[in-house]
Amino acid sequence: MPTYLFKVKLTADGLKGLLREGGSARREVVTRMIEGLGGRVEAMYWAFGDDDVYVTAELPGNTSAAAMGMVVSAAGGVRTSTTVLLSADEVDEAVRHQVDYRAPGA
């Protein structure tokens, strides 16, 4: 299954909800949501800095990841950014592809 990194920024309302419910409750919500899409949470961390939460998860595919990101962001408590992560085997497969490309000006 493909692996994704979800970077999450809490809105003011999302932060209020986190203060009210706590981190464990939010982790349970995220786990249920991802499992409901046929996936699995690998890790979930809260952070200081540009993003408030990082979630790595396996999901069946890009449409599941996109659906999750859209629905979660539309709810208004957070804004999400999704990155597709590649395993070493996937990178090995990618480098074996023949790509016909010419750099600009070359």
N, C-alpha and C. Protein backbone atom coordinates (compact mmCIF):
# COMPACT_ATOMS: atom_id res chain seq x y z
N MET A 1 0.84 -1.18 0.00
CA MET A 1 0.00 0.00 0.00
C MET A 1 0.89 1.24 0.00
N PRO A 2 0.50 2.29 -0.72
CA PRO A 2 1.27 3.52 -0.71
C PRO A 2 1.28 4.17 0.68
N THR A 3 2.36 4.89 0.95
CA THR A 3 2.52 5.57 2.23
C THR A 3 2.48 7.07 2.00
N TYR A 4 1.84 7.79 2.91
CA TYR A 4 1.65 9.23 2.79
C TYR A 4 2.09 9.93 4.07
N LEU A 5 2.57 11.15 3.90
CA LEU A 5 2.86 12.05 5.01
C LEU A 5 1.83 13.16 4.95
N PHE A 6 1.06 13.30 6.01
CA PHE A 6 0.09 14.39 6.12
C PHE A 6 0.66 15.41 7.09
N LYS A 7 0.85 16.64 6.60
CA LYS A 7 1.28 17.74 7.45
C LYS A 7 0.04 18.56 7.77
N VAL A 8 -0.17 18.81 9.06
CA VAL A 8 -1.42 19.41 9.52
C VAL A 8 -1.13 20.70 10.27
N LYS A 9 -1.88 21.75 9.90
CA LYS A 9 -1.82 23.02 10.61
C LYS A 9 -3.19 23.25 11.24
N LEU A 10 -3.21 23.43 12.55
CA LEU A 10 -4.47 23.67 13.25
C LEU A 10 -4.93 25.10 13.02
N THR A 11 -6.23 25.27 12.80
CA THR A 11 -6.83 26.60 12.79
C THR A 11 -7.11 26.98 14.25
N ALA A 12 -7.59 28.19 14.48
CA ALA A 12 -7.93 28.60 15.85
C ALA A 12 -8.99 27.66 16.43
N ASP A 13 -9.99 27.30 15.62
CA ASP A 13 -11.03 26.38 16.09
C ASP A 13 -10.46 25.00 16.36
N GLY A 14 -9.55 24.55 15.52
CA GLY A 14 -8.91 23.25 15.73
C GLY A 14 -8.10 23.22 17.00
N LEU A 15 -7.40 24.30 17.28
CA LEU A 15 -6.62 24.38 18.51
C LEU A 15 -7.53 24.38 19.73
N LYS A 16 -8.65 25.08 19.66
CA LYS A 16 -9.61 25.06 20.76
C LYS A 16 -10.12 23.63 21.01
N GLY A 17 -10.40 22.92 19.92
CA GLY A 17 -10.86 21.54 20.06
C GLY A 17 -9.80 20.65 20.66
N LEU A 18 -8.53 20.83 20.25
CA LEU A 18 -7.43 20.05 20.82
C LEU A 18 -7.28 20.33 22.31
N LEU A 19 -7.38 21.58 22.70
CA LEU A 19 -7.28 21.93 24.12
C LEU A 19 -8.42 21.30 24.92
N ARG A 20 -9.59 21.19 24.32
CA ARG A 20 -10.75 20.62 24.99
C ARG A 20 -10.67 19.09 25.05
N GLU A 21 -10.25 18.44 23.94
CA GLU A 21 -10.29 16.97 23.83
C GLU A 21 -8.98 16.28 24.17
N GLY A 22 -7.87 16.95 23.94
CA GLY A 22 -6.56 16.34 24.16
C GLY A 22 -6.06 15.58 22.94
N GLY A 23 -4.78 15.28 22.95
CA GLY A 23 -4.12 14.63 21.83
C GLY A 23 -4.54 13.19 21.61
N SER A 24 -4.73 12.44 22.68
CA SER A 24 -5.11 11.02 22.54
C SER A 24 -6.45 10.86 21.86
N ALA A 25 -7.40 11.72 22.20
CA ALA A 25 -8.72 11.65 21.57
C ALA A 25 -8.62 11.95 20.08
N ARG A 26 -7.80 12.93 19.72
CA ARG A 26 -7.65 13.26 18.30
C ARG A 26 -6.95 12.12 17.56
N ARG A 27 -5.96 11.49 18.20
CA ARG A 27 -5.29 10.35 17.58
C ARG A 27 -6.29 9.23 17.30
N GLU A 28 -7.21 8.98 18.22
CA GLU A 28 -8.23 7.95 18.01
C GLU A 28 -9.12 8.28 16.83
N VAL A 29 -9.50 9.56 16.69
CA VAL A 29 -10.34 9.99 15.57
C VAL A 29 -9.60 9.75 14.24
N VAL A 30 -8.34 10.14 14.19
CA VAL A 30 -7.54 9.98 12.98
C VAL A 30 -7.36 8.50 12.65
N THR A 31 -7.08 7.69 13.65
CA THR A 31 -6.90 6.26 13.43
C THR A 31 -8.17 5.62 12.88
N ARG A 32 -9.32 5.95 13.46
CA ARG A 32 -10.60 5.41 12.98
C ARG A 32 -10.86 5.83 11.53
N MET A 33 -10.57 7.10 11.24
CA MET A 33 -10.81 7.62 9.89
C MET A 33 -9.95 6.87 8.87
N ILE A 34 -8.66 6.73 9.15
CA ILE A 34 -7.74 6.07 8.22
C ILE A 34 -8.08 4.60 8.08
N GLU A 35 -8.38 3.93 9.18
CA GLU A 35 -8.77 2.52 9.10
C GLU A 35 -10.07 2.36 8.33
N GLY A 36 -10.99 3.32 8.46
CA GLY A 36 -12.25 3.29 7.72
C GLY A 36 -12.04 3.39 6.21
N LEU A 37 -10.92 3.98 5.81
CA LEU A 37 -10.58 4.08 4.39
C LEU A 37 -9.76 2.87 3.92
N GLY A 38 -9.56 1.90 4.82
CA GLY A 38 -8.79 0.72 4.46
C GLY A 38 -7.30 0.87 4.68
N GLY A 39 -6.92 1.87 5.47
CA GLY A 39 -5.50 2.14 5.70
C GLY A 39 -5.05 1.82 7.11
N ARG A 40 -3.83 2.30 7.40
CA ARG A 40 -3.20 2.05 8.71
C ARG A 40 -2.31 3.24 9.06
N VAL A 41 -2.44 3.73 10.30
CA VAL A 41 -1.57 4.80 10.78
C VAL A 41 -0.23 4.19 11.17
N GLU A 42 0.85 4.73 10.63
CA GLU A 42 2.19 4.31 11.04
C GLU A 42 2.64 5.10 12.26
N ALA A 43 2.45 6.43 12.21
CA ALA A 43 2.87 7.30 13.31
C ALA A 43 2.08 8.60 13.27
N MET A 44 1.94 9.22 14.43
CA MET A 44 1.29 10.52 14.54
C MET A 44 2.01 11.29 15.62
N TYR A 45 2.52 12.46 15.25
CA TYR A 45 3.28 13.30 16.18
C TYR A 45 2.79 14.73 16.14
N TRP A 46 2.76 15.36 17.32
CA TRP A 46 2.53 16.80 17.41
C TRP A 46 3.89 17.47 17.39
N ALA A 47 3.93 18.71 16.88
CA ALA A 47 5.22 19.37 16.69
C ALA A 47 5.12 20.86 16.97
N PHE A 48 6.29 21.47 17.16
CA PHE A 48 6.44 22.92 17.20
C PHE A 48 6.93 23.33 15.81
N GLY A 49 6.57 24.50 15.36
CA GLY A 49 7.10 24.98 14.09
C GLY A 49 6.01 25.27 13.09
N ASP A 50 6.33 25.08 11.81
CA ASP A 50 5.40 25.42 10.74
C ASP A 50 4.15 24.54 10.75
N ASP A 51 4.29 23.30 11.14
CA ASP A 51 3.16 22.38 11.20
C ASP A 51 2.92 21.94 12.63
N ASP A 52 1.66 21.60 12.92
CA ASP A 52 1.29 21.22 14.29
C ASP A 52 1.25 19.71 14.49
N VAL A 53 0.96 18.97 13.42
CA VAL A 53 0.83 17.52 13.52
C VAL A 53 1.40 16.90 12.25
N TYR A 54 2.07 15.76 12.42
CA TYR A 54 2.56 14.96 11.29
C TYR A 54 1.97 13.56 11.44
N VAL A 55 1.38 13.06 10.36
CA VAL A 55 0.83 11.71 10.35
C VAL A 55 1.42 10.97 9.16
N THR A 56 1.99 9.80 9.41
CA THR A 56 2.36 8.92 8.32
C THR A 56 1.38 7.76 8.33
N ALA A 57 0.88 7.44 7.14
CA ALA A 57 -0.14 6.40 7.06
C ALA A 57 -0.07 5.69 5.72
N GLU A 58 -0.44 4.42 5.75
CA GLU A 58 -0.63 3.66 4.52
C GLU A 58 -2.10 3.76 4.16
N LEU A 59 -2.37 4.03 2.88
CA LEU A 59 -3.74 4.08 2.37
C LEU A 59 -3.79 3.32 1.05
N PRO A 60 -4.98 2.87 0.64
CA PRO A 60 -5.08 2.09 -0.58
C PRO A 60 -4.58 2.81 -1.84
N GLY A 61 -4.64 4.14 -1.86
CA GLY A 61 -4.17 4.85 -3.05
C GLY A 61 -4.40 6.34 -2.95
N ASN A 62 -4.05 7.03 -4.03
CA ASN A 62 -4.14 8.49 -4.05
C ASN A 62 -5.55 9.02 -3.85
N THR A 63 -6.55 8.32 -4.38
CA THR A 63 -7.91 8.83 -4.21
C THR A 63 -8.35 8.79 -2.75
N SER A 64 -7.94 7.77 -2.02
CA SER A 64 -8.25 7.71 -0.58
C SER A 64 -7.55 8.84 0.16
N ALA A 65 -6.28 9.07 -0.17
CA ALA A 65 -5.52 10.15 0.48
C ALA A 65 -6.12 11.51 0.15
N ALA A 66 -6.51 11.71 -1.12
CA ALA A 66 -7.11 12.97 -1.52
C ALA A 66 -8.45 13.19 -0.84
N ALA A 67 -9.27 12.15 -0.78
CA ALA A 67 -10.58 12.26 -0.13
C ALA A 67 -10.42 12.65 1.33
N MET A 68 -9.49 12.00 2.00
CA MET A 68 -9.25 12.30 3.41
C MET A 68 -8.82 13.76 3.58
N GLY A 69 -7.85 14.19 2.79
CA GLY A 69 -7.36 15.56 2.91
C GLY A 69 -8.45 16.59 2.66
N MET A 70 -9.27 16.35 1.64
CA MET A 70 -10.34 17.30 1.31
C MET A 70 -11.39 17.38 2.41
N VAL A 71 -11.83 16.22 2.89
CA VAL A 71 -12.88 16.19 3.91
C VAL A 71 -12.39 16.81 5.21
N VAL A 72 -11.17 16.47 5.61
CA VAL A 72 -10.62 17.00 6.87
C VAL A 72 -10.44 18.51 6.76
N SER A 73 -9.87 18.99 5.66
CA SER A 73 -9.67 20.44 5.51
C SER A 73 -10.99 21.19 5.41
N ALA A 74 -11.98 20.61 4.72
CA ALA A 74 -13.27 21.26 4.57
C ALA A 74 -14.01 21.42 5.89
N ALA A 75 -13.71 20.56 6.86
CA ALA A 75 -14.37 20.64 8.18
C ALA A 75 -13.95 21.91 8.93
N GLY A 76 -12.80 22.50 8.58
CA GLY A 76 -12.42 23.79 9.13
C GLY A 76 -11.49 23.79 10.33
N GLY A 77 -11.24 22.66 10.94
CA GLY A 77 -10.37 22.63 12.13
C GLY A 77 -8.89 22.61 11.81
N VAL A 78 -8.57 22.18 10.59
CA VAL A 78 -7.17 22.08 10.19
C VAL A 78 -7.04 22.37 8.70
N ARG A 79 -5.82 22.60 8.28
CA ARG A 79 -5.44 22.64 6.86
C ARG A 79 -4.41 21.54 6.70
N THR A 80 -4.52 20.76 5.63
CA THR A 80 -3.60 19.65 5.43
C THR A 80 -2.79 19.81 4.16
N SER A 81 -1.64 19.20 4.16
CA SER A 81 -0.78 19.08 2.99
C SER A 81 -0.35 17.62 2.94
N THR A 82 -0.45 17.01 1.76
CA THR A 82 -0.17 15.58 1.62
C THR A 82 1.05 15.36 0.74
N THR A 83 1.96 14.50 1.19
CA THR A 83 3.14 14.11 0.43
C THR A 83 3.13 12.61 0.27
N VAL A 84 3.30 12.14 -0.98
CA VAL A 84 3.42 10.71 -1.24
C VAL A 84 4.85 10.30 -0.91
N LEU A 85 5.03 9.28 -0.09
CA LEU A 85 6.35 8.79 0.29
C LEU A 85 6.67 7.53 -0.51
N LEU A 86 7.93 7.40 -0.90
CA LEU A 86 8.37 6.24 -1.68
C LEU A 86 9.32 5.38 -0.85
N SER A 87 9.17 4.07 -0.98
CA SER A 87 10.10 3.14 -0.34
C SER A 87 11.36 3.05 -1.18
N ALA A 88 12.41 2.46 -0.63
CA ALA A 88 13.65 2.25 -1.39
C ALA A 88 13.38 1.40 -2.64
N ASP A 89 12.53 0.38 -2.51
CA ASP A 89 12.20 -0.46 -3.66
C ASP A 89 11.50 0.34 -4.76
N GLU A 90 10.63 1.26 -4.37
CA GLU A 90 9.95 2.09 -5.37
C GLU A 90 10.93 3.03 -6.06
N VAL A 91 11.88 3.57 -5.31
CA VAL A 91 12.90 4.42 -5.93
C VAL A 91 13.75 3.60 -6.89
N ASP A 92 14.11 2.38 -6.48
CA ASP A 92 14.87 1.49 -7.37
C ASP A 92 14.11 1.25 -8.67
N GLU A 93 12.81 1.02 -8.56
CA GLU A 93 11.99 0.82 -9.76
C GLU A 93 11.96 2.08 -10.62
N ALA A 94 11.86 3.23 -9.98
CA ALA A 94 11.81 4.51 -10.71
C ALA A 94 13.10 4.76 -11.49
N VAL A 95 14.24 4.47 -10.88
CA VAL A 95 15.50 4.76 -11.56
C VAL A 95 15.75 3.81 -12.73
N ARG A 96 15.03 2.70 -12.79
CA ARG A 96 15.16 1.78 -13.91
C ARG A 96 14.37 2.24 -15.14
N HIS A 97 13.46 3.19 -14.96
CA HIS A 97 12.66 3.69 -16.09
C HIS A 97 13.53 4.51 -17.03
N GLN A 98 13.31 4.33 -18.31
CA GLN A 98 13.96 5.15 -19.32
C GLN A 98 13.08 6.37 -19.57
N VAL A 99 13.66 7.56 -19.40
CA VAL A 99 12.90 8.80 -19.57
C VAL A 99 13.56 9.63 -20.67
N ASP A 100 12.79 10.00 -21.68
CA ASP A 100 13.28 10.82 -22.78
C ASP A 100 13.05 12.28 -22.41
N TYR A 101 14.14 13.00 -22.08
CA TYR A 101 14.04 14.37 -21.61
C TYR A 101 15.27 15.16 -22.06
N ARG A 102 15.04 16.44 -22.39
CA ARG A 102 16.13 17.36 -22.71
C ARG A 102 15.94 18.59 -21.85
N ALA A 103 16.99 19.00 -21.13
CA ALA A 103 16.93 20.19 -20.28
C ALA A 103 16.74 21.44 -21.14
N PRO A 104 16.08 22.46 -20.63
CA PRO A 104 15.90 23.70 -21.38
C PRO A 104 17.26 24.26 -21.80
N GLY A 105 17.36 24.64 -23.04
CA GLY A 105 18.60 25.24 -23.57
C GLY A 105 19.69 24.26 -23.89
N ALA A 106 19.49 22.97 -23.64
CA ALA A 106 20.55 21.97 -23.91
C ALA A 106 20.57 21.55 -25.35
